[in-house]
Amino acid sequence: MPFGRHGQDAVRAHATAYSLRYPASHVRIDLGTLGPDAVTVGAAILPLVGFFARGGWPLEPEPKEPNPAWQTNLQDRAAQ
């Protein structure tokens, strides 16, 4: 949902009220210029960041824990 300029002053006032004075004096809150697909593109990039951080390799599968004894016994009985 585009927020637009009509709410920009309220966002600035809220951010200023909840920020430290010195850092807030060095920051500018303005409208984004990325267009209506900015959220979609940003969300699509998140999985790629992890992929490239691993050097382009897929996630290692988690080691499988052994079955509990009752499940192994049940499988053995079913196989007989």
N, C-alpha and C. Protein backbone atom coordinates (compact mmCIF):
# COMPACT_ATOMS: atom_id res chain seq x y z
N MET A 1 0.84 -1.17 0.00
CA MET A 1 0.00 0.00 0.00
C MET A 1 0.90 1.24 0.00
N PRO A 2 0.79 2.08 -0.98
CA PRO A 2 1.59 3.31 -1.00
C PRO A 2 1.19 4.23 0.14
N PHE A 3 2.16 4.70 0.87
CA PHE A 3 1.90 5.57 2.03
C PHE A 3 1.83 7.02 1.60
N GLY A 4 2.74 7.45 0.79
CA GLY A 4 2.70 8.79 0.23
C GLY A 4 3.16 9.88 1.17
N ARG A 5 3.07 11.08 0.65
CA ARG A 5 3.56 12.25 1.39
C ARG A 5 2.65 12.64 2.56
N HIS A 6 1.38 12.26 2.52
CA HIS A 6 0.47 12.73 3.57
C HIS A 6 0.82 12.18 4.95
N GLY A 7 1.51 11.07 5.06
CA GLY A 7 1.88 10.52 6.36
C GLY A 7 3.33 10.72 6.71
N GLN A 8 4.07 11.34 5.82
CA GLN A 8 5.51 11.48 6.02
C GLN A 8 5.85 12.33 7.24
N ASP A 9 5.11 13.39 7.48
CA ASP A 9 5.38 14.24 8.64
C ASP A 9 5.15 13.48 9.95
N ALA A 10 4.12 12.65 9.98
CA ALA A 10 3.83 11.87 11.19
C ALA A 10 4.95 10.86 11.44
N VAL A 11 5.46 10.25 10.39
CA VAL A 11 6.56 9.29 10.54
C VAL A 11 7.80 10.00 11.05
N ARG A 12 8.10 11.15 10.50
CA ARG A 12 9.27 11.91 10.97
C ARG A 12 9.13 12.29 12.44
N ALA A 13 7.95 12.75 12.83
CA ALA A 13 7.73 13.15 14.22
C ALA A 13 7.88 11.96 15.16
N HIS A 14 7.32 10.83 14.79
CA HIS A 14 7.43 9.63 15.62
C HIS A 14 8.88 9.15 15.73
N ALA A 15 9.58 9.14 14.60
CA ALA A 15 10.98 8.70 14.62
C ALA A 15 11.84 9.63 15.46
N THR A 16 11.59 10.91 15.36
CA THR A 16 12.35 11.88 16.13
C THR A 16 12.06 11.74 17.62
N ALA A 17 10.81 11.47 17.97
CA ALA A 17 10.43 11.34 19.37
C ALA A 17 11.09 10.12 20.03
N TYR A 18 11.37 9.08 19.26
CA TYR A 18 11.92 7.85 19.81
C TYR A 18 13.38 7.61 19.42
N SER A 19 14.08 8.65 19.07
CA SER A 19 15.49 8.48 18.68
C SER A 19 16.38 9.40 19.50
N LEU A 20 17.66 9.12 19.48
CA LEU A 20 18.63 9.99 20.12
C LEU A 20 18.82 11.24 19.26
N ARG A 21 19.00 12.37 19.90
CA ARG A 21 19.02 13.66 19.19
C ARG A 21 20.15 13.75 18.16
N TYR A 22 21.37 13.37 18.55
CA TYR A 22 22.50 13.52 17.63
C TYR A 22 22.35 12.63 16.38
N PRO A 23 22.10 11.32 16.54
CA PRO A 23 21.94 10.51 15.33
C PRO A 23 20.75 10.97 14.48
N ALA A 24 19.67 11.38 15.14
CA ALA A 24 18.49 11.83 14.39
C ALA A 24 18.78 13.08 13.58
N SER A 25 19.70 13.91 14.05
CA SER A 25 20.01 15.13 13.31
C SER A 25 20.84 14.85 12.06
N HIS A 26 21.35 13.62 11.93
CA HIS A 26 22.16 13.25 10.78
C HIS A 26 21.46 12.28 9.83
N VAL A 27 20.16 12.13 10.01
CA VAL A 27 19.38 11.20 9.20
C VAL A 27 18.23 11.95 8.54
N ARG A 28 17.91 11.54 7.32
CA ARG A 28 16.79 12.13 6.60
C ARG A 28 15.78 11.04 6.29
N ILE A 29 14.53 11.27 6.60
CA ILE A 29 13.46 10.35 6.25
C ILE A 29 12.75 10.93 5.04
N ASP A 30 12.76 10.16 3.97
CA ASP A 30 12.16 10.63 2.72
C ASP A 30 11.42 9.47 2.07
N LEU A 31 10.68 9.76 1.04
CA LEU A 31 9.96 8.72 0.32
C LEU A 31 10.93 7.87 -0.48
N GLY A 32 10.63 6.59 -0.58
CA GLY A 32 11.45 5.69 -1.37
C GLY A 32 11.22 5.93 -2.86
N THR A 33 12.21 5.56 -3.64
CA THR A 33 12.11 5.76 -5.09
C THR A 33 12.23 4.44 -5.84
N LEU A 34 12.04 3.33 -5.15
CA LEU A 34 12.24 2.03 -5.78
C LEU A 34 11.02 1.52 -6.54
N GLY A 35 9.87 2.14 -6.36
CA GLY A 35 8.69 1.74 -7.10
C GLY A 35 7.82 0.76 -6.33
N PRO A 36 6.69 0.36 -6.94
CA PRO A 36 5.72 -0.47 -6.24
C PRO A 36 6.18 -1.91 -6.00
N ASP A 37 7.20 -2.36 -6.70
CA ASP A 37 7.67 -3.73 -6.52
C ASP A 37 8.84 -3.83 -5.55
N ALA A 38 9.15 -2.76 -4.84
CA ALA A 38 10.33 -2.75 -3.97
C ALA A 38 10.25 -3.82 -2.89
N VAL A 39 9.09 -4.02 -2.28
CA VAL A 39 8.95 -5.01 -1.20
C VAL A 39 9.12 -6.41 -1.77
N THR A 40 8.52 -6.66 -2.91
CA THR A 40 8.61 -7.98 -3.53
C THR A 40 10.05 -8.30 -3.91
N VAL A 41 10.71 -7.35 -4.51
CA VAL A 41 12.10 -7.56 -4.92
C VAL A 41 12.99 -7.74 -3.68
N GLY A 42 12.77 -6.93 -2.66
CA GLY A 42 13.56 -7.06 -1.43
C GLY A 42 13.36 -8.41 -0.77
N ALA A 43 12.11 -8.89 -0.74
CA ALA A 43 11.84 -10.20 -0.13
C ALA A 43 12.46 -11.32 -0.95
N ALA A 44 12.50 -11.17 -2.25
CA ALA A 44 13.08 -12.20 -3.11
C ALA A 44 14.60 -12.27 -2.95
N ILE A 45 15.20 -11.17 -2.55
CA ILE A 45 16.66 -11.14 -2.41
C ILE A 45 17.10 -11.83 -1.12
N LEU A 46 16.27 -11.85 -0.10
CA LEU A 46 16.67 -12.41 1.20
C LEU A 46 17.19 -13.85 1.11
N PRO A 47 16.50 -14.78 0.44
CA PRO A 47 17.07 -16.13 0.36
C PRO A 47 18.38 -16.17 -0.43
N LEU A 48 18.51 -15.28 -1.40
CA LEU A 48 19.73 -15.26 -2.20
C LEU A 48 20.93 -14.80 -1.39
N VAL A 49 20.71 -13.92 -0.42
CA VAL A 49 21.80 -13.45 0.42
C VAL A 49 22.45 -14.62 1.16
N GLY A 50 21.63 -15.47 1.76
CA GLY A 50 22.16 -16.63 2.45
C GLY A 50 22.85 -17.60 1.51
N PHE A 51 22.26 -17.79 0.32
CA PHE A 51 22.83 -18.69 -0.68
C PHE A 51 24.23 -18.23 -1.07
N PHE A 52 24.36 -16.94 -1.39
CA PHE A 52 25.67 -16.43 -1.80
C PHE A 52 26.65 -16.34 -0.62
N ALA A 53 26.13 -16.15 0.59
CA ALA A 53 27.01 -16.14 1.76
C ALA A 53 27.66 -17.51 1.98
N ARG A 54 26.97 -18.56 1.54
CA ARG A 54 27.53 -19.92 1.64
C ARG A 54 28.38 -20.26 0.42
N GLY A 55 28.67 -19.28 -0.42
CA GLY A 55 29.49 -19.52 -1.59
C GLY A 55 28.73 -20.19 -2.73
N GLY A 56 27.41 -20.08 -2.72
CA GLY A 56 26.60 -20.68 -3.78
C GLY A 56 26.26 -22.14 -3.53
N TRP A 57 26.52 -22.62 -2.32
CA TRP A 57 26.22 -24.01 -2.00
C TRP A 57 24.88 -24.10 -1.29
N PRO A 58 24.13 -25.18 -1.52
CA PRO A 58 22.85 -25.34 -0.81
C PRO A 58 23.08 -25.63 0.67
N LEU A 59 22.04 -25.52 1.45
CA LEU A 59 22.12 -25.82 2.88
C LEU A 59 22.50 -27.28 3.09
N GLU A 60 23.30 -27.50 4.11
CA GLU A 60 23.65 -28.87 4.49
C GLU A 60 22.42 -29.49 5.15
N PRO A 61 22.09 -30.73 4.80
CA PRO A 61 20.95 -31.36 5.48
C PRO A 61 21.28 -31.59 6.94
N GLU A 62 20.28 -31.41 7.78
CA GLU A 62 20.49 -31.63 9.21
C GLU A 62 20.66 -33.12 9.46
N PRO A 63 21.57 -33.48 10.36
CA PRO A 63 21.76 -34.91 10.63
C PRO A 63 20.47 -35.52 11.18
N LYS A 64 20.16 -36.71 10.68
CA LYS A 64 18.94 -37.39 11.12
C LYS A 64 19.21 -38.08 12.45
N GLU A 65 18.32 -37.84 13.38
CA GLU A 65 18.45 -38.48 14.69
C GLU A 65 17.94 -39.92 14.57
N PRO A 66 18.53 -40.82 15.33
CA PRO A 66 18.05 -42.21 15.27
C PRO A 66 16.62 -42.30 15.80
N ASN A 67 15.89 -43.27 15.27
CA ASN A 67 14.52 -43.49 15.73
C ASN A 67 14.53 -43.91 17.19
N PRO A 68 13.48 -43.57 17.93
CA PRO A 68 13.38 -44.07 19.30
C PRO A 68 13.26 -45.60 19.29
N ALA A 69 13.61 -46.21 20.38
CA ALA A 69 13.61 -47.68 20.45
C ALA A 69 12.24 -48.26 20.17
N TRP A 70 11.17 -47.63 20.66
CA TRP A 70 9.82 -48.18 20.44
C TRP A 70 9.47 -48.18 18.95
N GLN A 71 9.94 -47.16 18.22
CA GLN A 71 9.62 -47.09 16.80
C GLN A 71 10.40 -48.15 16.02
N THR A 72 11.66 -48.36 16.40
CA THR A 72 12.47 -49.39 15.75
C THR A 72 11.86 -50.77 16.00
N ASN A 73 11.43 -51.04 17.23
CA ASN A 73 10.79 -52.32 17.55
C ASN A 73 9.51 -52.51 16.76
N LEU A 74 8.72 -51.48 16.64
CA LEU A 74 7.47 -51.55 15.89
C LEU A 74 7.74 -51.84 14.42
N GLN A 75 8.75 -51.19 13.84
CA GLN A 75 9.10 -51.42 12.44
C GLN A 75 9.61 -52.85 12.25
N ASP A 76 10.40 -53.35 13.22
CA ASP A 76 10.91 -54.72 13.12
C ASP A 76 9.75 -55.72 13.16
N ARG A 77 8.78 -55.50 14.03
CA ARG A 77 7.63 -56.42 14.14
C ARG A 77 6.79 -56.37 12.87
N ALA A 78 6.65 -55.17 12.30
CA ALA A 78 5.84 -55.05 11.08
C ALA A 78 6.52 -55.73 9.90
N ALA A 79 7.85 -55.78 9.91
CA ALA A 79 8.58 -56.40 8.81
C ALA A 79 8.54 -57.92 8.87
N GLN A 80 8.19 -58.51 10.01
CA GLN A 80 8.19 -59.97 10.16
C GLN A 80 6.95 -60.58 9.59
